[in-house]
N, C-alpha and C. Protein backbone atom coordinates (compact mmCIF):
# COMPACT_ATOMS: atom_id res chain seq x y z
N MET A 1 -49.48 7.93 -16.47
CA MET A 1 -49.04 9.67 -16.78
C MET A 1 -47.67 10.10 -16.22
N VAL A 2 -46.57 9.13 -16.41
CA VAL A 2 -45.45 8.49 -16.42
C VAL A 2 -44.68 9.64 -17.14
N GLY A 3 -45.11 9.35 -18.48
CA GLY A 3 -44.27 10.35 -19.52
C GLY A 3 -45.28 11.28 -20.12
N PHE A 4 -46.44 11.55 -19.08
CA PHE A 4 -46.96 12.92 -19.77
C PHE A 4 -46.76 14.30 -19.56
N PRO A 5 -46.01 15.26 -19.99
CA PRO A 5 -45.67 16.34 -19.39
C PRO A 5 -47.14 17.36 -18.67
N LEU A 6 -47.12 17.17 -17.49
CA LEU A 6 -47.65 17.65 -16.58
C LEU A 6 -48.18 19.59 -16.88
N LEU A 7 -46.99 19.87 -17.21
CA LEU A 7 -47.05 21.30 -17.53
C LEU A 7 -47.92 21.57 -18.58
N LEU A 8 -47.95 20.77 -19.35
CA LEU A 8 -48.72 21.12 -20.52
C LEU A 8 -50.12 21.74 -20.07
N VAL A 9 -50.67 21.50 -19.68
CA VAL A 9 -51.94 21.48 -18.66
C VAL A 9 -52.24 23.21 -18.48
N PRO A 10 -51.18 23.60 -17.54
CA PRO A 10 -51.36 25.46 -17.72
C PRO A 10 -51.40 25.80 -19.27
N LEU A 11 -50.45 25.21 -19.58
CA LEU A 11 -50.24 26.07 -20.85
C LEU A 11 -51.20 25.30 -22.63
N ALA A 12 -51.74 23.96 -22.02
CA ALA A 12 -52.91 24.33 -23.14
C ALA A 12 -54.16 25.03 -23.07
N VAL A 13 -54.43 25.76 -21.49
CA VAL A 13 -55.03 25.97 -20.52
C VAL A 13 -55.36 27.25 -21.09
N TYR A 14 -54.12 27.98 -21.35
CA TYR A 14 -53.90 29.59 -21.90
C TYR A 14 -54.37 29.67 -23.47
N ASN A 15 -53.78 28.43 -24.31
CA ASN A 15 -53.93 28.45 -25.55
C ASN A 15 -55.73 29.12 -25.65
N ILE A 16 -56.50 27.71 -25.04
CA ILE A 16 -57.19 27.64 -25.47
C ILE A 16 -58.06 29.17 -25.13
N ILE A 17 -58.04 29.53 -24.28
CA ILE A 17 -59.07 31.03 -23.83
C ILE A 17 -58.22 31.93 -25.02
N ALA A 18 -57.00 31.72 -25.26
CA ALA A 18 -56.46 32.89 -26.03
C ALA A 18 -57.06 32.96 -27.36
N PHE A 19 -57.01 31.43 -27.86
CA PHE A 19 -57.69 31.00 -29.56
C PHE A 19 -58.83 31.25 -28.95
N LEU A 20 -60.08 30.45 -28.18
CA LEU A 20 -61.11 30.38 -28.29
C LEU A 20 -62.02 31.42 -27.46
N MET A 21 -61.98 32.18 -26.64
CA MET A 21 -62.20 32.94 -25.47
C MET A 21 -61.42 34.53 -25.73
N PRO A 22 -61.56 35.25 -27.04
CA PRO A 22 -60.88 36.21 -26.67
C PRO A 22 -60.96 37.56 -25.98
N GLY A 23 -62.77 37.56 -25.36
CA GLY A 23 -63.46 38.39 -24.57
C GLY A 23 -62.76 38.36 -23.56
N VAL A 24 -62.06 37.27 -22.98
CA VAL A 24 -61.60 36.78 -21.40
C VAL A 24 -60.06 37.26 -21.13
N SER A 25 -60.16 38.10 -20.43
CA SER A 25 -58.94 38.75 -19.68
C SER A 25 -58.13 38.05 -18.99
N PHE A 26 -57.35 38.22 -18.98
CA PHE A 26 -56.04 37.71 -18.23
C PHE A 26 -55.68 38.57 -16.45
N THR A 27 -56.69 39.60 -16.47
CA THR A 27 -56.01 40.37 -15.82
C THR A 27 -57.45 40.63 -14.40
N ASP A 28 -58.30 40.00 -15.22
CA ASP A 28 -59.28 41.00 -13.88
C ASP A 28 -59.92 39.79 -13.38
N PRO A 29 -60.25 40.23 -12.53
CA PRO A 29 -60.09 40.21 -10.21
C PRO A 29 -61.73 38.45 -10.81
N LEU A 30 -60.93 37.63 -9.97
CA LEU A 30 -62.39 36.44 -10.48
C LEU A 30 -62.82 36.15 -9.51
N ILE A 31 -61.87 35.83 -8.13
CA ILE A 31 -62.39 35.56 -6.81
C ILE A 31 -61.85 36.87 -6.01
N ARG A 32 -62.33 37.49 -5.09
CA ARG A 32 -62.00 38.48 -4.16
C ARG A 32 -62.06 38.09 -2.71
N LEU A 33 -61.22 37.69 -1.79
CA LEU A 33 -61.07 37.58 -0.81
C LEU A 33 -60.43 38.49 0.64
N THR A 34 -60.99 38.30 1.60
CA THR A 34 -60.57 39.45 2.65
C THR A 34 -60.25 38.73 3.78
N LEU A 35 -58.94 39.14 3.59
CA LEU A 35 -58.05 37.71 4.92
C LEU A 35 -58.21 38.77 5.94
N LEU A 36 -57.72 38.49 7.38
CA LEU A 36 -57.86 38.79 8.93
C LEU A 36 -57.36 40.09 8.68
N SER A 37 -56.30 40.88 8.05
CA SER A 37 -56.33 42.23 7.99
C SER A 37 -56.64 43.14 7.35
N GLY A 38 -58.13 42.56 6.92
CA GLY A 38 -58.80 43.18 6.37
C GLY A 38 -58.96 43.73 5.28
N GLU A 39 -57.40 43.38 4.56
CA GLU A 39 -57.51 43.62 3.31
C GLU A 39 -58.26 42.74 1.75
N GLN A 40 -58.68 42.96 1.33
CA GLN A 40 -59.14 42.30 -0.05
C GLN A 40 -57.91 41.99 -0.87
N TRP A 41 -58.27 40.50 -1.05
CA TRP A 41 -56.91 39.93 -2.16
C TRP A 41 -57.66 39.26 -3.04
N GLN A 42 -57.38 39.82 -4.14
CA GLN A 42 -58.15 39.70 -5.68
C GLN A 42 -57.28 38.43 -6.46
N ILE A 43 -57.64 38.14 -7.10
CA ILE A 43 -57.06 36.63 -7.65
C ILE A 43 -57.79 36.70 -9.12
N THR A 44 -56.64 36.74 -9.59
CA THR A 44 -56.88 36.63 -11.18
C THR A 44 -56.93 35.53 -12.02
N LEU A 45 -57.30 35.21 -13.56
CA LEU A 45 -57.34 34.08 -14.03
C LEU A 45 -55.31 33.48 -14.32
N SER A 46 -54.46 34.79 -14.20
CA SER A 46 -53.60 34.73 -14.98
C SER A 46 -52.35 33.97 -13.31
N ASP A 47 -53.07 34.54 -12.41
CA ASP A 47 -52.73 34.21 -10.80
C ASP A 47 -53.00 32.40 -10.84
N MET A 48 -54.41 32.13 -11.26
CA MET A 48 -54.50 30.95 -10.76
C MET A 48 -53.20 30.27 -11.82
N LEU A 49 -53.50 30.47 -12.79
CA LEU A 49 -52.57 29.29 -14.34
C LEU A 49 -51.17 29.63 -13.38
N LEU A 50 -50.75 30.56 -12.98
CA LEU A 50 -49.47 29.94 -12.35
C LEU A 50 -49.05 29.78 -11.29
N ALA A 51 -50.59 30.00 -10.21
CA ALA A 51 -50.52 28.69 -9.18
C ALA A 51 -50.44 27.32 -9.18
N ALA A 52 -51.05 26.56 -10.74
CA ALA A 52 -51.06 25.51 -11.10
C ALA A 52 -50.08 25.54 -11.24
N GLY A 53 -49.47 26.20 -12.56
CA GLY A 53 -47.86 25.25 -12.64
C GLY A 53 -46.82 25.47 -11.64
N VAL A 54 -46.91 26.04 -10.68
CA VAL A 54 -45.92 25.95 -9.68
C VAL A 54 -46.25 24.26 -9.11
N LEU A 55 -47.66 23.98 -8.83
CA LEU A 55 -47.74 22.71 -8.37
C LEU A 55 -47.41 21.72 -9.27
N LEU A 56 -47.69 21.78 -10.38
CA LEU A 56 -47.38 20.48 -11.05
C LEU A 56 -46.10 20.30 -11.26
N LEU A 57 -45.32 21.48 -11.51
CA LEU A 57 -43.90 21.57 -11.68
C LEU A 57 -43.46 20.43 -10.39
N LEU A 58 -43.75 20.88 -9.30
CA LEU A 58 -43.63 19.82 -8.33
C LEU A 58 -43.88 18.61 -7.96
N LEU A 59 -44.64 18.27 -9.19
CA LEU A 59 -45.54 16.98 -9.20
C LEU A 59 -44.41 15.96 -10.22
N GLU A 60 -44.31 17.26 -11.14
CA GLU A 60 -42.88 17.25 -12.46
C GLU A 60 -41.68 16.27 -11.41
N VAL A 61 -41.34 17.32 -10.46
CA VAL A 61 -40.35 16.89 -10.24
C VAL A 61 -39.86 15.74 -9.12
N ILE A 62 -41.26 15.32 -8.18
CA ILE A 62 -41.06 14.24 -7.32
C ILE A 62 -41.60 12.72 -8.73
N LYS A 63 -42.07 12.71 -9.63
CA LYS A 63 -41.88 11.76 -10.66
C LYS A 63 -40.55 11.73 -10.97
N GLY A 64 -39.74 12.99 -11.32
CA GLY A 64 -38.65 12.95 -11.95
C GLY A 64 -37.70 11.57 -10.56
N ALA A 65 -37.77 12.24 -9.36
CA ALA A 65 -36.93 11.72 -8.36
C ALA A 65 -37.29 9.87 -8.10
N ARG A 66 -38.21 9.38 -8.34
CA ARG A 66 -38.86 7.95 -8.31
C ARG A 66 -37.54 7.10 -9.16
N PRO A 67 -37.73 6.09 -8.64
CA PRO A 67 -36.66 5.40 -9.45
C PRO A 67 -37.25 4.64 -10.45
N GLY A 68 -36.81 4.59 -11.80
CA GLY A 68 -37.06 3.79 -13.00
C GLY A 68 -37.96 5.40 -14.14
N ALA A 69 -38.22 6.35 -13.08
CA ALA A 69 -39.27 7.52 -13.70
C ALA A 69 -37.83 8.08 -14.96
N LYS A 70 -38.56 8.84 -15.70
CA LYS A 70 -37.90 10.15 -16.30
C LYS A 70 -37.41 9.37 -17.41
N TYR A 71 -37.60 8.56 -18.76
CA TYR A 71 -36.76 8.00 -18.80
C TYR A 71 -37.19 8.82 -20.37
N LEU A 72 -35.64 8.27 -21.68
CA LEU A 72 -35.58 9.66 -22.72
C LEU A 72 -36.72 10.39 -23.35
N THR A 73 -37.83 9.40 -23.00
CA THR A 73 -38.82 10.21 -23.93
C THR A 73 -39.45 11.53 -23.13
N ASP A 74 -39.33 11.10 -21.72
CA ASP A 74 -39.95 11.99 -21.12
C ASP A 74 -38.85 12.92 -20.62
N HIS A 75 -38.05 13.21 -21.11
CA HIS A 75 -37.27 13.94 -21.11
C HIS A 75 -37.13 15.19 -22.78
N LEU A 76 -37.78 13.75 -23.81
CA LEU A 76 -37.84 14.97 -25.61
C LEU A 76 -38.94 15.68 -24.91
N LEU A 77 -40.46 14.96 -24.22
CA LEU A 77 -41.50 15.77 -24.27
C LEU A 77 -41.55 17.21 -23.64
N SER A 78 -40.85 16.94 -22.70
CA SER A 78 -40.79 18.04 -21.84
C SER A 78 -39.80 19.09 -22.52
N LEU A 79 -38.73 19.00 -23.50
CA LEU A 79 -38.33 19.79 -24.33
C LEU A 79 -38.78 20.56 -25.38
N ILE A 80 -39.82 19.52 -25.72
CA ILE A 80 -41.15 19.79 -26.78
C ILE A 80 -42.01 21.05 -26.17
N VAL A 81 -42.53 20.58 -25.16
CA VAL A 81 -43.52 21.33 -24.48
C VAL A 81 -42.67 23.19 -24.56
N PHE A 82 -40.98 23.08 -23.77
CA PHE A 82 -40.63 24.05 -23.77
C PHE A 82 -39.99 24.94 -24.89
N GLY A 83 -39.89 24.09 -25.63
CA GLY A 83 -39.88 24.96 -26.94
C GLY A 83 -40.80 25.87 -27.75
N ALA A 84 -42.06 24.83 -27.59
CA ALA A 84 -43.48 25.44 -28.24
C ALA A 84 -43.89 26.42 -27.54
N ALA A 85 -43.54 26.48 -26.33
CA ALA A 85 -44.15 27.51 -25.43
C ALA A 85 -43.43 28.44 -25.64
N ALA A 86 -41.82 28.47 -25.53
CA ALA A 86 -40.95 29.31 -25.79
C ALA A 86 -41.13 30.47 -27.32
N ALA A 87 -41.55 29.41 -28.26
CA ALA A 87 -41.64 30.04 -29.95
C ALA A 87 -43.08 30.33 -29.55
N GLU A 88 -44.45 30.26 -29.17
CA GLU A 88 -45.52 31.01 -28.85
C GLU A 88 -45.20 32.23 -28.29
N PHE A 89 -44.48 32.37 -26.99
CA PHE A 89 -43.80 33.38 -26.44
C PHE A 89 -43.41 34.83 -27.29
N VAL A 90 -42.42 33.99 -28.17
CA VAL A 90 -41.58 35.17 -28.86
C VAL A 90 -42.77 35.86 -30.02
N LEU A 91 -43.41 34.61 -30.71
CA LEU A 91 -43.79 34.98 -32.18
C LEU A 91 -45.26 35.56 -31.84
N TRP A 92 -46.24 35.16 -31.05
CA TRP A 92 -47.55 35.93 -31.31
C TRP A 92 -47.62 36.62 -30.28
N PRO A 93 -48.74 37.90 -30.31
CA PRO A 93 -48.64 38.72 -29.58
C PRO A 93 -49.61 38.58 -28.61
N LYS A 94 -50.87 37.81 -28.75
CA LYS A 94 -51.73 37.44 -27.31
C LYS A 94 -50.65 36.71 -26.49
N PHE A 95 -49.65 35.76 -26.48
CA PHE A 95 -48.40 35.25 -25.83
C PHE A 95 -47.95 36.79 -24.94
N GLY A 96 -47.34 37.24 -25.80
CA GLY A 96 -46.45 38.45 -25.12
C GLY A 96 -46.41 38.91 -23.93
N ASN A 97 -46.45 38.47 -22.49
CA ASN A 97 -46.98 39.14 -21.82
C ASN A 97 -46.21 37.74 -20.51
N SER A 98 -46.34 38.57 -19.02
CA SER A 98 -45.28 38.61 -17.69
C SER A 98 -45.97 37.00 -17.63
N THR A 99 -47.57 36.65 -18.02
CA THR A 99 -47.83 35.40 -17.19
C THR A 99 -47.94 34.51 -18.02
N TYR A 100 -47.70 34.30 -19.47
CA TYR A 100 -47.15 33.28 -20.10
C TYR A 100 -45.58 33.21 -20.60
N CYS A 101 -44.97 33.89 -19.73
CA CYS A 101 -43.63 34.07 -19.61
C CYS A 101 -42.98 33.76 -18.57
N LEU A 102 -43.57 33.52 -17.65
CA LEU A 102 -43.57 32.52 -16.55
C LEU A 102 -43.64 30.94 -16.78
N LEU A 103 -44.59 31.06 -17.31
CA LEU A 103 -45.33 29.40 -17.48
C LEU A 103 -44.04 28.60 -18.45
N THR A 104 -43.42 29.57 -19.18
CA THR A 104 -42.61 29.22 -19.85
C THR A 104 -41.46 28.87 -19.28
N LEU A 105 -41.05 29.79 -18.18
CA LEU A 105 -40.22 29.70 -17.43
C LEU A 105 -39.92 28.25 -16.33
N LEU A 106 -41.48 27.98 -16.23
CA LEU A 106 -41.95 26.81 -15.27
C LEU A 106 -41.15 25.95 -16.28
N ALA A 107 -41.97 25.72 -17.78
CA ALA A 107 -41.14 24.34 -18.13
C ALA A 107 -39.91 24.27 -18.80
N LEU A 108 -39.13 25.07 -18.51
CA LEU A 108 -37.68 24.96 -18.72
C LEU A 108 -37.31 24.79 -17.86
N VAL A 109 -37.43 25.05 -16.42
CA VAL A 109 -37.40 24.27 -15.14
C VAL A 109 -37.51 22.17 -14.56
N ASP A 110 -38.95 22.19 -15.54
CA ASP A 110 -39.63 21.29 -15.26
C ASP A 110 -37.56 20.40 -16.31
N PHE A 111 -37.80 20.63 -17.32
CA PHE A 111 -36.87 19.51 -18.44
C PHE A 111 -35.13 19.65 -17.36
N ILE A 112 -34.91 21.04 -17.19
CA ILE A 112 -33.25 21.07 -16.84
C ILE A 112 -33.39 20.24 -15.16
N SER A 113 -34.66 20.16 -14.36
CA SER A 113 -34.58 19.00 -13.51
C SER A 113 -34.82 17.55 -13.70
N GLY A 114 -35.26 17.41 -14.87
CA GLY A 114 -35.21 15.73 -15.19
C GLY A 114 -33.92 15.71 -15.52
N ILE A 115 -33.00 16.66 -16.12
CA ILE A 115 -31.98 15.75 -17.08
C ILE A 115 -30.99 16.09 -15.85
N ALA A 116 -31.04 17.19 -14.07
CA ALA A 116 -30.06 16.81 -13.03
C ALA A 116 -30.64 15.39 -12.45
N LEU A 117 -31.77 15.20 -11.99
CA LEU A 117 -32.02 14.24 -10.97
C LEU A 117 -31.17 13.14 -12.02
N ARG A 118 -31.73 12.24 -13.30
CA ARG A 118 -31.07 11.58 -14.23
C ARG A 118 -29.74 11.21 -14.08
N THR A 119 -28.65 12.51 -14.35
CA THR A 119 -27.15 12.21 -13.84
C THR A 119 -26.90 12.17 -12.89
N ARG A 120 -27.31 12.48 -11.64
CA ARG A 120 -27.58 12.25 -10.57
C ARG A 120 -27.42 10.83 -10.56
N ARG A 121 -28.56 10.26 -11.16
CA ARG A 121 -28.65 9.06 -10.31
C ARG A 121 -28.10 7.81 -11.05
N ARG A 122 -27.25 8.27 -11.92
CA ARG A 122 -26.21 7.21 -12.51
C ARG A 122 -25.17 7.50 -12.26
N ALA A 123 -24.88 8.43 -11.40
CA ALA A 123 -24.11 8.91 -10.70
C ALA A 123 -23.59 8.13 -9.25
N VAL A 124 -25.12 8.24 -8.48
CA VAL A 124 -25.56 7.22 -7.69
C VAL A 124 -24.49 5.85 -8.08
N VAL A 125 -25.60 5.38 -8.44
CA VAL A 125 -25.69 3.89 -8.84
C VAL A 125 -24.30 3.07 -9.60
N ALA A 126 -23.58 4.00 -10.63
CA ALA A 126 -22.63 3.09 -11.47
C ALA A 126 -21.49 2.69 -9.76
N PRO A 127 -21.12 3.39 -9.22
CA PRO A 127 -20.48 3.31 -8.00
C PRO A 127 -20.82 1.47 -7.08
N ALA A 128 -22.39 1.54 -7.38
CA ALA A 128 -23.10 0.13 -6.66
C ALA A 128 -23.42 -0.87 -7.57
N ALA A 129 -22.39 -0.32 -8.33
CA ALA A 129 -23.41 -1.49 -9.73
C ALA A 129 -22.76 -3.12 -9.21
N PRO A 130 -23.62 -4.44 -9.23
CA PRO A 130 -23.03 -5.47 -8.36
C PRO A 130 -21.93 -5.78 -9.42
N ALA A 131 -20.98 -6.80 -9.47
CA ALA A 131 -20.09 -7.82 -9.75
C ALA A 131 -20.64 -8.21 -11.37
N PRO A 132 -20.15 -8.10 -12.25
CA PRO A 132 -20.24 -9.38 -13.16
C PRO A 132 -20.46 -10.90 -12.87
N SER A 133 -21.83 -11.62 -12.59
CA SER A 133 -21.61 -12.87 -12.30
C SER A 133 -20.86 -14.29 -13.36
N VAL A 134 -20.35 -14.78 -12.70
CA VAL A 134 -19.35 -15.92 -13.58
C VAL A 134 -20.66 -17.15 -14.21
N SER A 135 -20.08 -17.43 -15.35
CA SER A 135 -21.13 -18.58 -16.28
C SER A 135 -21.52 -19.89 -15.67
N LYS A 136 -22.30 -20.52 -15.31
CA LYS A 136 -22.76 -21.44 -14.70
C LYS A 136 -21.01 -22.45 -15.58
N SER A 137 -20.92 -22.81 -16.65
CA SER A 137 -20.31 -23.30 -16.87
C SER A 137 -18.65 -23.90 -16.50
N GLN A 138 -18.45 -22.30 -16.38
CA GLN A 138 -16.82 -21.98 -16.22
C GLN A 138 -16.82 -22.38 -14.06
N PRO A 139 -16.29 -23.38 -13.57
CA PRO A 139 -16.74 -23.97 -12.05
C PRO A 139 -15.23 -22.69 -11.47
N GLU A 140 -15.50 -22.08 -10.42
CA GLU A 140 -15.21 -21.20 -9.60
C GLU A 140 -14.46 -22.35 -9.01
N ALA A 141 -12.95 -21.24 -9.60
CA ALA A 141 -11.91 -21.99 -8.63
C ALA A 141 -12.08 -21.72 -7.48
N PRO A 142 -11.79 -22.85 -6.26
CA PRO A 142 -11.76 -22.93 -4.95
C PRO A 142 -10.50 -21.96 -4.16
N GLN A 143 -11.16 -21.28 -3.25
CA GLN A 143 -10.39 -20.26 -2.84
C GLN A 143 -9.69 -20.88 -1.22
N PRO A 144 -8.49 -20.13 -2.38
CA PRO A 144 -7.06 -21.50 -0.69
C PRO A 144 -7.47 -20.48 1.03
N ALA A 145 -7.54 -21.56 1.47
CA ALA A 145 -7.81 -21.52 2.73
C ALA A 145 -6.67 -20.81 3.51
N PRO A 146 -6.97 -19.90 4.41
CA PRO A 146 -5.81 -19.09 5.36
C PRO A 146 -5.23 -19.76 5.78
N VAL A 147 -4.11 -19.83 5.64
CA VAL A 147 -3.19 -20.11 7.03
C VAL A 147 -2.50 -19.83 7.60
N ALA A 148 -2.85 -20.10 8.91
CA ALA A 148 -2.25 -19.50 10.30
C ALA A 148 -0.91 -19.55 9.97
N GLN A 149 -0.43 -18.45 10.71
CA GLN A 149 0.99 -17.79 10.53
C GLN A 149 0.89 -18.49 12.29
N PRO A 150 2.01 -19.27 12.32
CA PRO A 150 2.61 -19.57 13.96
C PRO A 150 3.21 -18.23 14.23
N THR A 151 3.17 -18.16 15.47
CA THR A 151 3.55 -17.14 16.44
C THR A 151 4.75 -17.41 17.21
N PRO A 152 5.87 -16.58 17.12
CA PRO A 152 7.01 -16.89 16.96
C PRO A 152 6.77 -17.20 19.01
N ARG A 153 7.89 -18.34 19.58
CA ARG A 153 8.08 -18.62 20.91
C ARG A 153 9.16 -18.34 20.81
N PRO A 154 9.54 -17.42 22.23
CA PRO A 154 10.69 -17.43 22.51
C PRO A 154 11.69 -18.78 22.80
N GLU A 155 13.27 -18.57 21.90
CA GLU A 155 13.68 -19.75 22.25
C GLU A 155 14.77 -19.79 23.35
N PRO A 156 14.38 -21.36 23.82
CA PRO A 156 15.00 -21.19 25.32
C PRO A 156 16.69 -21.27 25.23
N ALA A 157 16.63 -20.71 26.51
CA ALA A 157 18.42 -20.38 26.86
C ALA A 157 19.26 -21.58 26.94
N PRO A 158 20.45 -21.59 26.07
CA PRO A 158 20.99 -23.03 26.16
C PRO A 158 21.82 -23.15 27.25
N VAL A 159 21.24 -24.57 28.27
CA VAL A 159 22.10 -24.93 29.24
C VAL A 159 23.38 -25.72 29.25
N ALA A 160 24.59 -24.62 29.86
CA ALA A 160 25.74 -25.48 29.94
C ALA A 160 25.81 -27.49 29.99
N ALA A 161 26.89 -27.61 29.54
CA ALA A 161 27.06 -29.18 29.46
C ALA A 161 27.88 -29.25 31.07
N PRO A 162 27.33 -30.35 31.62
CA PRO A 162 28.30 -30.43 32.61
C PRO A 162 29.72 -30.83 32.44
N ALA A 163 30.19 -30.73 33.16
CA ALA A 163 31.80 -30.77 32.90
C ALA A 163 32.27 -32.13 33.49
N PRO A 164 33.10 -33.00 32.57
CA PRO A 164 33.55 -34.82 33.22
C PRO A 164 33.85 -34.68 34.24
N ALA A 165 33.13 -35.84 34.54
CA ALA A 165 34.12 -36.09 36.28
C ALA A 165 35.49 -36.24 35.80
N ALA A 166 35.75 -36.05 37.02
CA ALA A 166 38.03 -36.38 36.74
C ALA A 166 38.13 -37.53 36.91
N PRO A 167 39.02 -38.41 36.60
CA PRO A 167 38.91 -39.90 36.42
C PRO A 167 39.36 -40.48 37.74
N PRO A 168 39.25 -41.52 38.34
CA PRO A 168 40.06 -41.61 39.24
C PRO A 168 41.31 -42.13 39.50
N PRO A 169 41.81 -41.84 40.47
CA PRO A 169 43.31 -42.07 40.73
C PRO A 169 43.70 -43.33 39.92
N ALA A 170 44.62 -43.28 39.59
CA ALA A 170 45.44 -44.85 38.93
C ALA A 170 46.02 -45.24 40.51
N PRO A 171 45.29 -46.68 40.47
CA PRO A 171 46.42 -47.58 41.65
C PRO A 171 48.09 -46.77 41.79
N PRO A 172 48.72 -46.52 42.58
CA PRO A 172 50.25 -46.71 42.46
C PRO A 172 51.18 -47.38 41.92
N VAL A 173 51.70 -47.25 40.64
CA VAL A 173 52.76 -48.88 40.42
C VAL A 173 53.88 -48.77 41.43
N PRO A 174 54.21 -49.99 41.75
CA PRO A 174 55.25 -50.13 42.79
C PRO A 174 56.23 -50.44 41.98
N SER A 175 57.24 -50.00 42.85
CA SER A 175 58.98 -49.47 42.45
C SER A 175 59.42 -50.85 42.37
N ALA A 176 60.75 -51.06 41.32
CA ALA A 176 61.15 -51.92 41.01
C ALA A 176 61.58 -52.47 42.57
N THR A 177 62.50 -51.65 43.41
CA THR A 177 63.42 -52.08 44.39
C THR A 177 62.03 -52.85 45.43
N SER A 178 60.80 -52.28 45.01
CA SER A 178 60.32 -53.24 46.13
C SER A 178 59.54 -54.74 45.92
N VAL A 179 59.64 -54.65 44.33
CA VAL A 179 59.34 -56.12 43.62
C VAL A 179 60.47 -57.51 43.78
N ALA A 180 61.68 -56.48 43.56
CA ALA A 180 63.41 -57.38 43.80
C ALA A 180 63.06 -58.07 45.43
N GLU A 181 62.95 -57.32 46.38
CA GLU A 181 62.49 -57.58 48.14
C GLU A 181 61.81 -59.01 48.20
N SER A 182 60.86 -58.63 47.15
CA SER A 182 59.75 -59.32 47.96
C SER A 182 60.17 -60.66 47.17
N VAL A 183 60.80 -60.60 45.68
CA VAL A 183 61.40 -62.28 45.25
C VAL A 183 62.42 -62.86 46.13
N LEU A 184 63.00 -62.23 46.36
CA LEU A 184 64.17 -62.74 47.44
C LEU A 184 63.36 -63.14 48.84
N LEU A 185 62.96 -62.42 49.50
CA LEU A 185 61.92 -63.30 50.27
C LEU A 185 61.74 -64.24 50.12
N ASP A 186 60.94 -64.40 49.17
CA ASP A 186 60.31 -65.47 48.87
C ASP A 186 60.89 -66.82 48.50
N GLN A 187 62.01 -66.33 48.16
CA GLN A 187 63.18 -67.88 48.03
C GLN A 187 64.01 -68.06 49.16
N SER A 188 64.13 -67.19 50.03
CA SER A 188 64.69 -67.43 50.96
C SER A 188 63.92 -67.78 52.24
N ALA A 189 63.11 -68.29 52.09
CA ALA A 189 62.08 -68.35 53.57
C ALA A 189 61.92 -69.90 53.31
N PRO A 190 62.00 -71.27 54.36
CA PRO A 190 62.51 -72.26 54.03
C PRO A 190 61.07 -73.10 53.61
N LYS A 191 60.82 -74.48 52.87
CA LYS A 191 60.09 -74.84 52.83
C LYS A 191 59.67 -75.75 53.67
N PRO A 192 58.14 -76.04 54.07
CA PRO A 192 58.24 -77.26 54.99
C PRO A 192 58.43 -78.31 53.59
N THR A 193 59.22 -79.59 54.75
CA THR A 193 59.28 -80.75 54.11
C THR A 193 58.06 -81.91 54.57
N VAL A 194 57.40 -82.46 53.82
CA VAL A 194 56.70 -83.64 54.11
C VAL A 194 56.78 -84.85 54.47
N THR A 195 56.45 -85.39 55.64
CA THR A 195 57.34 -86.97 56.06
C THR A 195 56.39 -88.14 55.82
N SER A 196 56.67 -88.94 55.18
CA SER A 196 55.83 -90.19 54.52
C SER A 196 55.67 -90.93 56.30
N PRO A 197 54.41 -91.68 56.69
CA PRO A 197 54.13 -92.31 58.29
C PRO A 197 54.94 -93.88 57.32
N ASP A 198 54.86 -93.74 56.05
CA ASP A 198 55.56 -95.48 56.09
C ASP A 198 57.07 -95.48 55.91
N LEU A 199 57.71 -94.38 55.98
CA LEU A 199 59.32 -94.30 56.47
C LEU A 199 59.43 -94.09 57.62
N GLN A 200 60.70 -94.71 58.03
CA GLN A 200 61.24 -94.78 59.55
C GLN A 200 62.26 -93.52 59.61
N PRO A 201 62.53 -92.83 61.04
CA PRO A 201 63.65 -92.12 60.71
C PRO A 201 64.59 -92.43 60.35
N GLY A 202 65.49 -91.71 59.70
CA GLY A 202 67.06 -92.40 59.26
C GLY A 202 66.39 -92.57 57.67
N GLY A 203 65.16 -92.02 57.16
CA GLY A 203 65.17 -92.62 55.72
C GLY A 203 64.14 -94.14 55.51
N GLN A 204 64.70 -94.89 56.47
CA GLN A 204 64.13 -96.58 55.72
C GLN A 204 63.30 -96.56 56.35
N PRO A 205 62.52 -97.66 55.50
CA PRO A 205 61.41 -98.19 55.75
C PRO A 205 60.99 -99.47 56.75
N PRO A 206 59.72 -99.46 56.76
CA PRO A 206 59.59 -100.01 58.40
C PRO A 206 60.30 -101.58 58.19
N SER A 207 60.29 -101.99 59.53
CA SER A 207 60.36 -103.00 59.84
C SER A 207 59.60 -104.49 58.71
N ASP A 208 58.49 -104.54 59.05
CA ASP A 208 57.68 -105.03 59.25
C ASP A 208 57.01 -104.70 57.89
N ALA A 209 57.59 -104.25 57.18
CA ALA A 209 57.11 -103.86 55.58
C ALA A 209 57.56 -105.40 54.59
N PRO A 210 57.03 -106.00 53.68
CA PRO A 210 57.33 -106.80 52.68
C PRO A 210 58.51 -106.91 52.07
N GLN A 211 59.39 -107.76 52.09
CA GLN A 211 60.60 -107.60 51.43
C GLN A 211 60.43 -108.18 50.57
N ARG A 212 60.54 -107.60 48.79
CA ARG A 212 60.20 -108.19 47.69
C ARG A 212 62.24 -109.05 47.13
């Protein structure tokens, strides 16, 4: 039932009544209903065909809104139904009335709504189409790992180098005068004489020394 134009049903019923039942009138009331207000509502055959056409048009729109529905053949069949109904309305005297004109207009709405729904579906699906998959024969290049940027650290303030310690004072150099005086004092001091016990006073050896 997806590719079948549902609006063909009321149009076909009208054709059957117009060609096969020439004595049936579309304006004679078939049903009389009494409303709560007390008024009688007279329903004719044309009213029933128009009501059926509106309900079938609603089903056609619901079918066209489903994913995958309303292919090119569906639009082509809707266009053929509208073209045939418009040709009968213009060319045949039995179809030149308001009832058949409204049925033809419903067929036109069916065709235009199908085209509009298909165009909108293409506009919505095209941006969301997935990217083409890479063939398995070509290995995917490894994605480089993200390099973490080092956070800048505050540089420490430069520390002043300690001042060099002052060298110890050099010992005072003795003057030349003091050096000369010390030399003279050393020379003038008496040197002690060493006496041998073998010598007697006067520088002679003792008497008991053996004669040579």
